[in-house]
Amino acid sequence: MRATYTGASQKLGKSHPQSPPLHLHFDQFESFYVGAGKVGTTDGWAAEDRVWTREDAPLDIKPWEPHRFWPCPDAEEDSVLYLWAHPTGTPEPMDRMFFDNLLRYLSDVTEKKASLSLLQVMVMQHATASALVMFPTAWWLGPIRWWVPWTLQRMCAWVGRCCGYMALMEQYTDQEEWKDFLRAKKA
């Protein structure tokens, strides 16, 4: 997937609406490469910030490693980020359709074209075997740092599914892919 941060929106840095909160993935690596401009990351249980440019090699974020990415406020040009998850054969993958749905939905929310539904976001997030991380540097909390957010997410996702929310949204999914998704849900 390709994400582009443009102009003044980059000045928002970690507050950019398409900058995810600190999170981890249970099953997949998440990799990215900066094609232009600057992109920042917050990585690891120490929550260390780093800025990346196209001169840097792609970053592979391992499963269970907390991370987030954000547009760098001092970028002098539009920033282009290439992002992918692997391996693809996991039971609950972060795939192109997940990224398309989530980022297009958040764009519409930011542009006031859609209302934010926490239940919808929790259903989408939970379907990718991912969890938010709280207090990453509080080592004495151990797994509570991801377990509590994951448990709350799981409960919200259950309520969301009971209310009819699904991991993908029809308006952000190609018609053929939507039909395939619905067929797979029935199987």
N, C-alpha and C. Protein backbone atom coordinates (compact mmCIF):
# COMPACT_ATOMS: atom_id res chain seq x y z
N MET A 1 0.83 -1.16 0.00
CA MET A 1 0.00 0.00 0.00
C MET A 1 0.89 1.24 0.00
N ARG A 2 0.40 2.28 -0.63
CA ARG A 2 1.12 3.55 -0.68
C ARG A 2 0.30 4.60 0.05
N ALA A 3 0.94 5.32 0.96
CA ALA A 3 0.30 6.45 1.65
C ALA A 3 1.12 7.70 1.37
N THR A 4 0.44 8.80 1.12
CA THR A 4 1.13 10.06 0.86
C THR A 4 0.64 11.11 1.85
N TYR A 5 1.58 11.73 2.54
CA TYR A 5 1.29 12.85 3.43
C TYR A 5 1.69 14.11 2.69
N THR A 6 0.76 15.06 2.58
CA THR A 6 1.02 16.25 1.77
C THR A 6 0.96 17.53 2.60
N GLY A 7 1.71 18.50 2.13
CA GLY A 7 1.66 19.87 2.61
C GLY A 7 1.53 20.05 4.11
N ALA A 8 0.60 20.95 4.46
CA ALA A 8 0.45 21.35 5.86
C ALA A 8 0.01 20.21 6.77
N SER A 9 -0.65 19.18 6.21
CA SER A 9 -1.10 18.07 7.07
C SER A 9 0.07 17.36 7.73
N GLN A 10 1.26 17.44 7.12
CA GLN A 10 2.43 16.80 7.72
C GLN A 10 2.82 17.46 9.04
N LYS A 11 2.50 18.73 9.17
CA LYS A 11 2.84 19.48 10.38
C LYS A 11 2.15 18.88 11.62
N LEU A 12 1.09 18.10 11.40
CA LEU A 12 0.37 17.48 12.51
C LEU A 12 1.18 16.37 13.17
N GLY A 13 2.17 15.83 12.46
CA GLY A 13 3.03 14.80 13.03
C GLY A 13 2.25 13.64 13.62
N LYS A 14 2.50 13.33 14.88
CA LYS A 14 1.83 12.21 15.55
C LYS A 14 0.33 12.41 15.70
N SER A 15 -0.14 13.65 15.55
CA SER A 15 -1.58 13.94 15.66
C SER A 15 -2.31 13.78 14.32
N HIS A 16 -1.60 13.45 13.26
CA HIS A 16 -2.23 13.27 11.95
C HIS A 16 -3.31 12.20 12.06
N PRO A 17 -4.49 12.43 11.47
CA PRO A 17 -5.59 11.48 11.62
C PRO A 17 -5.31 10.08 11.05
N GLN A 18 -4.35 9.95 10.16
CA GLN A 18 -4.00 8.63 9.64
C GLN A 18 -2.74 8.07 10.26
N SER A 19 -2.35 8.64 11.38
CA SER A 19 -1.22 8.11 12.14
C SER A 19 -1.78 7.20 13.23
N PRO A 20 -1.53 5.91 13.14
CA PRO A 20 -2.13 4.99 14.11
C PRO A 20 -1.54 5.17 15.51
N PRO A 21 -2.30 4.81 16.52
CA PRO A 21 -1.73 4.80 17.88
C PRO A 21 -0.72 3.66 18.00
N LEU A 22 0.04 3.66 19.06
CA LEU A 22 1.00 2.59 19.30
C LEU A 22 0.25 1.26 19.37
N HIS A 23 0.73 0.29 18.60
CA HIS A 23 0.05 -1.00 18.51
C HIS A 23 1.05 -2.09 18.19
N LEU A 24 0.59 -3.33 18.24
CA LEU A 24 1.41 -4.47 17.83
C LEU A 24 0.54 -5.46 17.07
N HIS A 25 1.20 -6.35 16.35
CA HIS A 25 0.52 -7.40 15.59
C HIS A 25 0.98 -8.74 16.12
N PHE A 26 0.05 -9.66 16.30
CA PHE A 26 0.39 -10.97 16.85
C PHE A 26 1.02 -11.90 15.82
N ASP A 27 0.58 -11.82 14.56
CA ASP A 27 0.95 -12.84 13.57
C ASP A 27 1.83 -12.36 12.42
N GLN A 28 1.84 -11.09 12.13
CA GLN A 28 2.50 -10.61 10.92
C GLN A 28 3.59 -9.58 11.20
N PHE A 29 4.58 -9.56 10.32
CA PHE A 29 5.54 -8.48 10.25
C PHE A 29 4.84 -7.33 9.53
N GLU A 30 5.21 -6.10 9.85
CA GLU A 30 4.76 -4.94 9.09
C GLU A 30 6.04 -4.26 8.61
N SER A 31 6.14 -4.04 7.32
CA SER A 31 7.34 -3.43 6.76
C SER A 31 6.96 -2.15 6.05
N PHE A 32 7.90 -1.21 6.04
CA PHE A 32 7.66 -0.01 5.26
C PHE A 32 8.96 0.57 4.73
N TYR A 33 8.78 1.36 3.70
CA TYR A 33 9.89 2.04 3.03
C TYR A 33 9.43 3.45 2.70
N VAL A 34 10.28 4.43 2.93
CA VAL A 34 9.95 5.82 2.60
C VAL A 34 10.45 6.10 1.19
N GLY A 35 9.52 6.43 0.30
CA GLY A 35 9.87 6.72 -1.09
C GLY A 35 10.23 8.18 -1.32
N ALA A 36 9.72 9.07 -0.47
CA ALA A 36 10.02 10.51 -0.58
C ALA A 36 9.71 11.16 0.76
N GLY A 37 10.35 12.29 1.02
CA GLY A 37 10.09 13.04 2.24
C GLY A 37 10.64 12.36 3.48
N LYS A 38 9.93 12.53 4.59
CA LYS A 38 10.35 11.98 5.89
C LYS A 38 9.13 11.40 6.60
N VAL A 39 9.33 10.25 7.23
CA VAL A 39 8.29 9.63 8.04
C VAL A 39 8.92 9.22 9.36
N GLY A 40 8.21 9.47 10.45
CA GLY A 40 8.71 9.09 11.76
C GLY A 40 8.08 7.81 12.24
N THR A 41 8.80 7.10 13.12
CA THR A 41 8.23 5.93 13.79
C THR A 41 8.51 6.04 15.28
N THR A 42 7.64 5.41 16.04
CA THR A 42 7.86 5.16 17.44
C THR A 42 7.91 3.64 17.55
N ASP A 43 9.03 3.10 18.04
CA ASP A 43 9.26 1.65 18.00
C ASP A 43 9.62 1.10 19.36
N GLY A 44 9.20 -0.15 19.56
CA GLY A 44 9.67 -0.95 20.69
C GLY A 44 9.02 -0.60 22.01
N TRP A 45 9.36 -1.42 23.02
CA TRP A 45 8.83 -1.20 24.35
C TRP A 45 9.44 0.04 25.00
N ALA A 46 10.54 0.55 24.45
CA ALA A 46 11.13 1.79 24.94
C ALA A 46 10.48 3.01 24.29
N ALA A 47 9.62 2.79 23.29
CA ALA A 47 8.90 3.85 22.58
C ALA A 47 9.85 4.93 22.05
N GLU A 48 10.87 4.49 21.33
CA GLU A 48 11.87 5.40 20.78
C GLU A 48 11.43 5.95 19.43
N ASP A 49 11.59 7.25 19.24
CA ASP A 49 11.24 7.91 17.99
C ASP A 49 12.44 7.93 17.05
N ARG A 50 12.16 7.77 15.76
CA ARG A 50 13.20 7.85 14.74
C ARG A 50 12.57 8.40 13.47
N VAL A 51 13.34 9.14 12.70
CA VAL A 51 12.88 9.68 11.41
C VAL A 51 13.55 8.91 10.29
N TRP A 52 12.76 8.56 9.27
CA TRP A 52 13.22 7.77 8.13
C TRP A 52 13.10 8.57 6.84
N THR A 53 14.06 8.35 5.94
CA THR A 53 14.02 8.97 4.60
C THR A 53 14.25 7.87 3.56
N ARG A 54 14.21 8.25 2.29
CA ARG A 54 14.40 7.24 1.24
C ARG A 54 15.82 6.65 1.24
N GLU A 55 16.75 7.29 1.90
CA GLU A 55 18.11 6.75 1.99
C GLU A 55 18.19 5.54 2.93
N ASP A 56 17.19 5.37 3.78
CA ASP A 56 17.19 4.26 4.73
C ASP A 56 16.64 2.99 4.08
N ALA A 57 17.13 1.86 4.55
CA ALA A 57 16.62 0.57 4.08
C ALA A 57 15.20 0.37 4.62
N PRO A 58 14.42 -0.50 3.98
CA PRO A 58 13.08 -0.78 4.53
C PRO A 58 13.18 -1.27 5.97
N LEU A 59 12.18 -0.91 6.76
CA LEU A 59 12.12 -1.33 8.16
C LEU A 59 11.15 -2.50 8.28
N ASP A 60 11.60 -3.58 8.91
CA ASP A 60 10.75 -4.72 9.20
C ASP A 60 10.41 -4.69 10.68
N ILE A 61 9.13 -4.54 10.98
CA ILE A 61 8.67 -4.52 12.37
C ILE A 61 8.16 -5.93 12.68
N LYS A 62 8.77 -6.55 13.66
CA LYS A 62 8.46 -7.94 14.00
C LYS A 62 7.11 -8.05 14.73
N PRO A 63 6.46 -9.23 14.64
CA PRO A 63 5.27 -9.44 15.46
C PRO A 63 5.61 -9.20 16.94
N TRP A 64 4.64 -8.70 17.66
CA TRP A 64 4.74 -8.41 19.10
C TRP A 64 5.61 -7.19 19.42
N GLU A 65 6.04 -6.43 18.40
CA GLU A 65 6.84 -5.23 18.64
C GLU A 65 5.95 -3.99 18.52
N PRO A 66 5.79 -3.22 19.60
CA PRO A 66 4.97 -2.01 19.52
C PRO A 66 5.56 -1.02 18.51
N HIS A 67 4.68 -0.36 17.78
CA HIS A 67 5.13 0.61 16.78
C HIS A 67 3.98 1.51 16.36
N ARG A 68 4.36 2.60 15.74
CA ARG A 68 3.42 3.50 15.05
C ARG A 68 4.23 4.31 14.07
N PHE A 69 3.60 4.85 13.07
CA PHE A 69 4.29 5.73 12.13
C PHE A 69 3.49 7.02 11.99
N TRP A 70 4.19 8.08 11.56
CA TRP A 70 3.58 9.40 11.50
C TRP A 70 4.37 10.28 10.52
N PRO A 71 3.69 11.28 9.92
CA PRO A 71 4.41 12.19 9.03
C PRO A 71 5.33 13.09 9.85
N CYS A 72 6.49 13.32 9.34
CA CYS A 72 7.47 14.14 10.04
C CYS A 72 7.13 15.62 9.85
N PRO A 73 6.91 16.37 10.93
CA PRO A 73 6.50 17.77 10.81
C PRO A 73 7.48 18.67 10.06
N ASP A 74 8.76 18.30 10.04
CA ASP A 74 9.72 19.17 9.36
C ASP A 74 10.06 18.69 7.95
N ALA A 75 9.24 17.81 7.38
CA ALA A 75 9.47 17.37 5.99
C ALA A 75 9.32 18.56 5.05
N GLU A 76 10.24 18.67 4.10
CA GLU A 76 10.22 19.80 3.17
C GLU A 76 9.53 19.47 1.86
N GLU A 77 9.11 18.23 1.70
CA GLU A 77 8.38 17.80 0.51
C GLU A 77 7.31 16.81 0.94
N ASP A 78 6.38 16.50 0.05
CA ASP A 78 5.38 15.48 0.37
C ASP A 78 6.09 14.18 0.73
N SER A 79 5.54 13.46 1.68
CA SER A 79 6.15 12.20 2.12
C SER A 79 5.34 11.02 1.59
N VAL A 80 6.04 10.07 1.02
CA VAL A 80 5.41 8.87 0.46
C VAL A 80 5.92 7.66 1.24
N LEU A 81 4.99 6.86 1.73
CA LEU A 81 5.28 5.70 2.55
C LEU A 81 4.71 4.47 1.87
N TYR A 82 5.53 3.46 1.66
CA TYR A 82 5.07 2.17 1.14
C TYR A 82 5.02 1.21 2.33
N LEU A 83 3.89 0.54 2.49
CA LEU A 83 3.63 -0.26 3.67
C LEU A 83 3.07 -1.61 3.26
N TRP A 84 3.57 -2.70 3.88
CA TRP A 84 3.03 -4.02 3.59
C TRP A 84 3.19 -4.92 4.80
N ALA A 85 2.31 -5.92 4.87
CA ALA A 85 2.34 -6.89 5.96
C ALA A 85 2.64 -8.27 5.38
N HIS A 86 3.36 -9.08 6.13
CA HIS A 86 3.71 -10.42 5.66
C HIS A 86 3.99 -11.31 6.86
N PRO A 87 3.86 -12.60 6.78
CA PRO A 87 3.38 -13.37 5.62
C PRO A 87 1.88 -13.13 5.42
N THR A 88 1.39 -13.48 4.23
CA THR A 88 -0.01 -13.21 3.89
C THR A 88 -0.94 -14.35 4.24
N GLY A 89 -0.44 -15.52 4.54
CA GLY A 89 -1.29 -16.67 4.79
C GLY A 89 -1.73 -16.84 6.23
N THR A 90 -1.74 -15.80 7.02
CA THR A 90 -2.15 -15.90 8.42
C THR A 90 -3.69 -15.93 8.51
N PRO A 91 -4.24 -16.46 9.60
CA PRO A 91 -5.70 -16.54 9.73
C PRO A 91 -6.40 -15.17 9.71
N GLU A 92 -5.77 -14.16 10.26
CA GLU A 92 -6.38 -12.83 10.32
C GLU A 92 -5.40 -11.79 9.76
N PRO A 93 -5.26 -11.74 8.43
CA PRO A 93 -4.22 -10.90 7.84
C PRO A 93 -4.55 -9.41 7.78
N MET A 94 -3.50 -8.61 7.89
CA MET A 94 -3.58 -7.21 7.50
C MET A 94 -3.24 -7.23 6.02
N ASP A 95 -4.22 -7.04 5.19
CA ASP A 95 -3.97 -7.09 3.75
C ASP A 95 -4.33 -5.76 3.13
N ARG A 96 -4.21 -5.69 1.82
CA ARG A 96 -4.50 -4.45 1.10
C ARG A 96 -5.92 -3.97 1.37
N MET A 97 -6.89 -4.89 1.42
CA MET A 97 -8.28 -4.49 1.64
C MET A 97 -8.46 -3.88 3.04
N PHE A 98 -7.76 -4.43 4.04
CA PHE A 98 -7.84 -3.85 5.38
C PHE A 98 -7.31 -2.42 5.36
N PHE A 99 -6.10 -2.22 4.82
CA PHE A 99 -5.51 -0.88 4.79
C PHE A 99 -6.38 0.08 3.98
N ASP A 100 -6.87 -0.36 2.81
CA ASP A 100 -7.74 0.49 1.99
C ASP A 100 -8.97 0.92 2.78
N ASN A 101 -9.64 -0.06 3.39
CA ASN A 101 -10.87 0.23 4.13
C ASN A 101 -10.60 1.17 5.29
N LEU A 102 -9.63 0.83 6.12
CA LEU A 102 -9.37 1.63 7.31
C LEU A 102 -8.95 3.06 6.96
N LEU A 103 -7.99 3.21 6.06
CA LEU A 103 -7.48 4.55 5.76
C LEU A 103 -8.49 5.39 4.99
N ARG A 104 -9.26 4.78 4.09
CA ARG A 104 -10.29 5.54 3.37
C ARG A 104 -11.40 5.96 4.34
N TYR A 105 -11.76 5.07 5.25
CA TYR A 105 -12.78 5.41 6.24
C TYR A 105 -12.30 6.57 7.12
N LEU A 106 -11.07 6.48 7.62
CA LEU A 106 -10.54 7.56 8.47
C LEU A 106 -10.42 8.88 7.70
N SER A 107 -10.08 8.82 6.42
CA SER A 107 -10.06 10.04 5.59
C SER A 107 -11.45 10.66 5.52
N ASP A 108 -12.46 9.81 5.27
CA ASP A 108 -13.82 10.33 5.20
C ASP A 108 -14.27 10.91 6.54
N VAL A 109 -13.87 10.29 7.64
CA VAL A 109 -14.21 10.83 8.96
C VAL A 109 -13.55 12.19 9.14
N THR A 110 -12.26 12.28 8.79
CA THR A 110 -11.52 13.53 8.94
C THR A 110 -12.14 14.65 8.10
N GLU A 111 -12.59 14.29 6.89
CA GLU A 111 -13.18 15.27 5.97
C GLU A 111 -14.67 15.47 6.23
N LYS A 112 -15.18 14.91 7.31
CA LYS A 112 -16.59 15.05 7.72
C LYS A 112 -17.56 14.44 6.71
N LYS A 113 -17.09 13.44 5.94
CA LYS A 113 -17.97 12.73 5.00
C LYS A 113 -18.59 11.51 5.66
N ALA A 114 -18.08 11.12 6.83
CA ALA A 114 -18.60 9.98 7.58
C ALA A 114 -18.41 10.25 9.06
N SER A 115 -19.25 9.62 9.86
CA SER A 115 -19.12 9.73 11.31
C SER A 115 -18.23 8.60 11.82
N LEU A 116 -17.45 8.91 12.84
CA LEU A 116 -16.57 7.90 13.42
C LEU A 116 -17.38 6.94 14.29
N SER A 117 -17.23 5.65 14.02
CA SER A 117 -17.84 4.62 14.86
C SER A 117 -16.71 3.84 15.51
N LEU A 118 -16.60 3.97 16.81
CA LEU A 118 -15.58 3.22 17.54
C LEU A 118 -15.79 1.72 17.34
N LEU A 119 -17.05 1.28 17.31
CA LEU A 119 -17.32 -0.14 17.10
C LEU A 119 -16.80 -0.61 15.74
N GLN A 120 -16.99 0.21 14.71
CA GLN A 120 -16.50 -0.16 13.38
C GLN A 120 -14.98 -0.31 13.39
N VAL A 121 -14.29 0.65 13.97
CA VAL A 121 -12.83 0.61 14.02
C VAL A 121 -12.36 -0.61 14.83
N MET A 122 -13.02 -0.91 15.94
CA MET A 122 -12.62 -2.06 16.75
C MET A 122 -12.84 -3.38 16.01
N VAL A 123 -13.93 -3.50 15.24
CA VAL A 123 -14.16 -4.71 14.45
C VAL A 123 -13.05 -4.85 13.40
N MET A 124 -12.71 -3.75 12.73
CA MET A 124 -11.66 -3.78 11.70
C MET A 124 -10.31 -4.15 12.33
N GLN A 125 -9.97 -3.50 13.41
CA GLN A 125 -8.68 -3.72 14.07
C GLN A 125 -8.58 -5.15 14.60
N HIS A 126 -9.64 -5.63 15.24
CA HIS A 126 -9.60 -6.95 15.85
C HIS A 126 -9.48 -8.06 14.80
N ALA A 127 -10.01 -7.81 13.62
CA ALA A 127 -9.96 -8.81 12.54
C ALA A 127 -8.55 -9.00 11.99
N THR A 128 -7.60 -8.19 12.42
CA THR A 128 -6.22 -8.30 11.91
C THR A 128 -5.24 -8.82 12.96
N ALA A 129 -5.75 -9.36 14.05
CA ALA A 129 -4.89 -9.88 15.12
C ALA A 129 -3.88 -8.82 15.56
N SER A 130 -4.40 -7.64 15.87
CA SER A 130 -3.60 -6.50 16.31
C SER A 130 -4.18 -5.96 17.61
N ALA A 131 -3.35 -5.31 18.40
CA ALA A 131 -3.81 -4.73 19.65
C ALA A 131 -3.09 -3.41 19.92
N LEU A 132 -3.81 -2.49 20.55
CA LEU A 132 -3.18 -1.25 20.98
C LEU A 132 -2.27 -1.55 22.17
N VAL A 133 -1.34 -0.64 22.43
CA VAL A 133 -0.40 -0.79 23.54
C VAL A 133 -0.50 0.45 24.41
N MET A 134 -0.62 0.25 25.72
CA MET A 134 -0.64 1.38 26.66
C MET A 134 0.58 1.30 27.56
N PHE A 135 1.07 2.42 27.96
CA PHE A 135 2.22 2.52 28.86
C PHE A 135 3.37 1.60 28.44
N PRO A 136 3.89 1.74 27.21
CA PRO A 136 4.89 0.78 26.72
C PRO A 136 6.16 0.71 27.55
N THR A 137 6.57 1.82 28.15
CA THR A 137 7.84 1.80 28.90
C THR A 137 7.68 1.31 30.33
N ALA A 138 6.44 1.05 30.77
CA ALA A 138 6.20 0.55 32.13
C ALA A 138 6.42 -0.95 32.15
N TRP A 139 7.67 -1.36 32.11
CA TRP A 139 8.03 -2.77 31.99
C TRP A 139 7.41 -3.63 33.08
N TRP A 140 7.21 -3.07 34.27
CA TRP A 140 6.65 -3.83 35.39
C TRP A 140 5.21 -4.26 35.14
N LEU A 141 4.54 -3.66 34.16
CA LEU A 141 3.17 -4.07 33.82
C LEU A 141 3.14 -5.32 32.94
N GLY A 142 4.28 -5.67 32.36
CA GLY A 142 4.38 -6.87 31.53
C GLY A 142 3.31 -6.91 30.45
N PRO A 143 2.66 -8.07 30.26
CA PRO A 143 1.69 -8.21 29.19
C PRO A 143 0.41 -7.42 29.38
N ILE A 144 0.20 -6.86 30.57
CA ILE A 144 -0.99 -6.03 30.78
C ILE A 144 -1.00 -4.86 29.79
N ARG A 145 0.19 -4.43 29.35
CA ARG A 145 0.31 -3.28 28.45
C ARG A 145 -0.44 -3.50 27.13
N TRP A 146 -0.55 -4.74 26.66
CA TRP A 146 -1.32 -5.02 25.44
C TRP A 146 -2.59 -5.81 25.75
N TRP A 147 -2.60 -6.58 26.85
CA TRP A 147 -3.74 -7.46 27.13
C TRP A 147 -5.00 -6.67 27.46
N VAL A 148 -4.89 -5.63 28.26
CA VAL A 148 -6.07 -4.82 28.62
C VAL A 148 -6.66 -4.16 27.37
N PRO A 149 -5.87 -3.45 26.54
CA PRO A 149 -6.48 -2.88 25.33
C PRO A 149 -7.05 -3.95 24.40
N TRP A 150 -6.37 -5.08 24.28
CA TRP A 150 -6.85 -6.15 23.40
C TRP A 150 -8.17 -6.72 23.90
N THR A 151 -8.31 -6.88 25.22
CA THR A 151 -9.55 -7.39 25.79
C THR A 151 -10.69 -6.41 25.58
N LEU A 152 -10.44 -5.12 25.80
CA LEU A 152 -11.47 -4.10 25.53
C LEU A 152 -11.83 -4.08 24.05
N GLN A 153 -10.82 -4.18 23.19
CA GLN A 153 -11.05 -4.22 21.74
C GLN A 153 -11.90 -5.43 21.38
N ARG A 154 -11.56 -6.58 21.95
CA ARG A 154 -12.30 -7.82 21.67
C ARG A 154 -13.77 -7.67 22.07
N MET A 155 -14.04 -7.07 23.22
CA MET A 155 -15.42 -6.87 23.66
C MET A 155 -16.16 -5.90 22.74
N CYS A 156 -15.49 -4.80 22.38
CA CYS A 156 -16.11 -3.83 21.46
C CYS A 156 -16.36 -4.47 20.10
N ALA A 157 -15.42 -5.28 19.63
CA ALA A 157 -15.59 -5.95 18.33
C ALA A 157 -16.77 -6.92 18.38
N TRP A 158 -16.94 -7.62 19.50
CA TRP A 158 -18.07 -8.54 19.64
C TRP A 158 -19.39 -7.77 19.58
N VAL A 159 -19.47 -6.66 20.31
CA VAL A 159 -20.67 -5.82 20.28
C VAL A 159 -20.88 -5.29 18.86
N GLY A 160 -19.81 -4.84 18.23
CA GLY A 160 -19.91 -4.31 16.86
C GLY A 160 -20.43 -5.35 15.89
N ARG A 161 -19.92 -6.58 15.98
CA ARG A 161 -20.39 -7.64 15.08
C ARG A 161 -21.87 -7.95 15.36
N CYS A 162 -22.27 -7.93 16.64
CA CYS A 162 -23.68 -8.14 16.98
C CYS A 162 -24.57 -7.03 16.40
N CYS A 163 -24.00 -5.84 16.26
CA CYS A 163 -24.73 -4.71 15.67
C CYS A 163 -24.66 -4.68 14.14
N GLY A 164 -23.97 -5.65 13.55
CA GLY A 164 -23.92 -5.74 12.10
C GLY A 164 -22.67 -5.20 11.44
N TYR A 165 -21.72 -4.71 12.22
CA TYR A 165 -20.47 -4.22 11.63
C TYR A 165 -19.63 -5.41 11.16
N MET A 166 -18.88 -5.19 10.09
CA MET A 166 -17.99 -6.22 9.57
C MET A 166 -16.58 -5.66 9.43
N ALA A 167 -15.61 -6.54 9.24
CA ALA A 167 -14.20 -6.13 9.15
C ALA A 167 -13.93 -5.25 7.93
N LEU A 168 -14.73 -5.39 6.89
CA LEU A 168 -14.62 -4.53 5.71
C LEU A 168 -15.92 -3.76 5.54
N MET A 169 -15.83 -2.62 4.88
CA MET A 169 -17.01 -1.79 4.62
C MET A 169 -17.28 -1.79 3.12
N GLU A 170 -18.53 -2.04 2.76
CA GLU A 170 -18.88 -2.19 1.34
C GLU A 170 -18.47 -0.98 0.51
N GLN A 171 -18.66 0.22 1.03
CA GLN A 171 -18.37 1.43 0.24
C GLN A 171 -16.87 1.62 -0.04
N TYR A 172 -16.02 0.91 0.67
CA TYR A 172 -14.58 1.04 0.45
C TYR A 172 -13.96 -0.22 -0.16
N THR A 173 -14.81 -1.12 -0.64
CA THR A 173 -14.33 -2.40 -1.18
C THR A 173 -14.84 -2.59 -2.60
N ASP A 174 -13.97 -3.01 -3.50
CA ASP A 174 -14.34 -3.33 -4.87
C ASP A 174 -15.50 -4.33 -4.86
N GLN A 175 -16.44 -4.22 -5.81
CA GLN A 175 -17.64 -5.07 -5.81
C GLN A 175 -17.31 -6.56 -5.83
N GLU A 176 -16.36 -6.97 -6.65
CA GLU A 176 -16.00 -8.39 -6.72
C GLU A 176 -15.38 -8.87 -5.41
N GLU A 177 -14.51 -8.03 -4.85
CA GLU A 177 -13.88 -8.39 -3.58
C GLU A 177 -14.92 -8.44 -2.46
N TRP A 178 -15.92 -7.55 -2.52
CA TRP A 178 -16.98 -7.55 -1.52
C TRP A 178 -17.78 -8.85 -1.60
N LYS A 179 -18.12 -9.26 -2.81
CA LYS A 179 -18.85 -10.52 -2.99
C LYS A 179 -18.03 -11.70 -2.47
N ASP A 180 -16.73 -11.71 -2.77
CA ASP A 180 -15.85 -12.78 -2.27
C ASP A 180 -15.79 -12.78 -0.75
N PHE A 181 -15.71 -11.59 -0.16
CA PHE A 181 -15.67 -11.44 1.30
C PHE A 181 -16.95 -12.01 1.92
N LEU A 182 -18.10 -11.65 1.35
CA LEU A 182 -19.37 -12.16 1.90
C LEU A 182 -19.49 -13.67 1.74
N ARG A 183 -19.03 -14.20 0.59
CA ARG A 183 -19.05 -15.66 0.40
C ARG A 183 -18.18 -16.36 1.43
N ALA A 184 -17.01 -15.81 1.69
CA ALA A 184 -16.10 -16.40 2.67
C ALA A 184 -16.70 -16.35 4.07
N LYS A 185 -17.43 -15.30 4.39
CA LYS A 185 -18.06 -15.18 5.71
C LYS A 185 -19.12 -16.25 5.91
N LYS A 186 -19.80 -16.62 4.81
CA LYS A 186 -20.87 -17.64 4.90
C LYS A 186 -20.30 -19.05 4.97
N ALA A 187 -19.08 -19.23 4.47
CA ALA A 187 -18.49 -20.58 4.41
C ALA A 187 -18.13 -21.12 5.77
